[in-house]
Amino acid sequence: MKIEKINEMISGGESITVEFKQSKTKLNRDVFESVCAFLNRNGGHLFLGVNDSGCIGGGGCLTPMYKLKGRHLASSGVY
């Protein structure tokens, strides 16, 4: 998936097909619930390590995901 498409999804925020999970050290139960929900519908995109504001990392906003450039990511739907 191209970074431009990821930028579009991040800037659009969470929706029925886009979910952000902070997941600092382990995958919490809500990550698995999101995956199951996507599987029971028409799929979706799960961004791990991204908080609800679209920022990567821990407490503060280290790098907004949409500022990453020049990378192609896997098309698995989990980023």
Protein backbone atom coordinates (compact mmCIF):
# COMPACT_ATOMS: atom_id res chain seq x y z
CA MET A 1 0.00 0.00 0.00
CA LYS A 2 1.34 3.42 -0.90
CA ILE A 3 1.91 6.06 1.75
CA GLU A 4 -0.56 8.41 0.04
CA LYS A 5 -3.39 5.95 0.69
CA ILE A 6 -2.29 5.54 4.31
CA ASN A 7 -2.21 9.34 4.67
CA GLU A 8 -5.78 9.47 3.41
CA MET A 9 -6.95 6.80 5.86
CA ILE A 10 -5.14 8.36 8.84
CA SER A 11 -6.42 11.86 8.12
CA GLY A 12 -9.95 10.47 7.82
CA GLY A 13 -9.70 9.09 11.37
CA GLU A 14 -11.24 5.92 12.72
CA SER A 15 -14.30 4.53 11.02
CA ILE A 16 -16.10 1.25 10.49
CA THR A 17 -13.16 0.08 8.35
CA VAL A 18 -10.21 1.93 9.97
CA GLU A 19 -9.05 1.33 13.54
CA PHE A 20 -6.07 2.73 15.48
CA LYS A 21 -4.58 0.80 18.41
CA GLN A 22 -1.78 2.17 20.56
CA SER A 23 -0.52 -1.29 21.70
CA LYS A 24 2.78 -0.33 23.35
CA THR A 25 4.02 -3.68 24.66
CA LYS A 26 1.42 -6.35 23.86
CA LEU A 27 -1.77 -6.90 21.93
CA ASN A 28 -4.72 -6.21 24.18
CA ARG A 29 -8.06 -7.95 23.90
CA ASP A 30 -9.57 -5.01 21.99
CA VAL A 31 -7.09 -5.59 19.14
CA PHE A 32 -8.43 -9.12 18.70
CA GLU A 33 -12.00 -7.84 18.95
CA SER A 34 -11.29 -5.37 16.15
CA VAL A 35 -9.80 -8.10 13.96
CA CYS A 36 -12.85 -10.31 14.57
CA ALA A 37 -15.18 -7.42 13.77
CA PHE A 38 -13.35 -6.79 10.49
CA LEU A 39 -13.55 -10.50 9.64
CA ASN A 40 -17.29 -10.54 10.30
CA ARG A 41 -17.87 -7.56 8.03
CA ASN A 42 -16.17 -6.55 4.81
CA GLY A 43 -12.64 -6.22 6.20
CA GLY A 44 -10.75 -3.15 7.30
CA HIS A 45 -7.41 -1.60 8.19
CA LEU A 46 -5.86 -1.90 11.63
CA PHE A 47 -2.98 0.45 12.46
CA LEU A 48 -0.93 -0.78 15.44
CA GLY A 49 1.16 1.71 17.38
CA VAL A 50 -1.07 4.63 16.37
CA ASN A 51 -3.21 6.46 18.92
CA ASP A 52 -6.66 7.96 18.34
CA SER A 53 -5.07 11.24 17.19
CA GLY A 54 -3.16 9.47 14.42
CA CYS A 55 0.19 9.75 16.20
CA ILE A 56 2.81 7.02 16.41
CA GLY A 57 4.31 6.06 19.76
CA GLY A 58 3.71 6.46 23.45
CA GLY A 59 2.34 9.27 25.61
CA GLY A 60 3.14 12.27 23.44
CA CYS A 61 2.79 12.56 19.72
CA LEU A 62 6.21 11.56 18.40
CA THR A 63 5.47 11.47 14.68
CA PRO A 64 2.09 11.82 13.04
CA MET A 65 1.64 8.78 10.79
CA TYR A 66 0.62 10.96 7.88
CA LYS A 67 4.05 12.66 7.85
CA LEU A 68 5.89 9.45 6.95
CA LYS A 69 6.88 9.60 3.30
CA GLY A 70 8.41 7.50 0.57
CA ARG A 71 7.53 4.06 1.91
CA HIS A 72 5.39 1.28 0.51
CA LEU A 73 3.79 -0.88 3.15
CA ALA A 74 2.40 -4.39 3.06
CA SER A 75 -1.13 -4.84 1.78
CA SER A 76 -2.18 -7.13 4.63
CA GLY A 77 -4.38 -4.52 6.27
CA VAL A 78 -2.35 -4.49 9.51
CA TYR A 79 0.23 -1.72 9.73
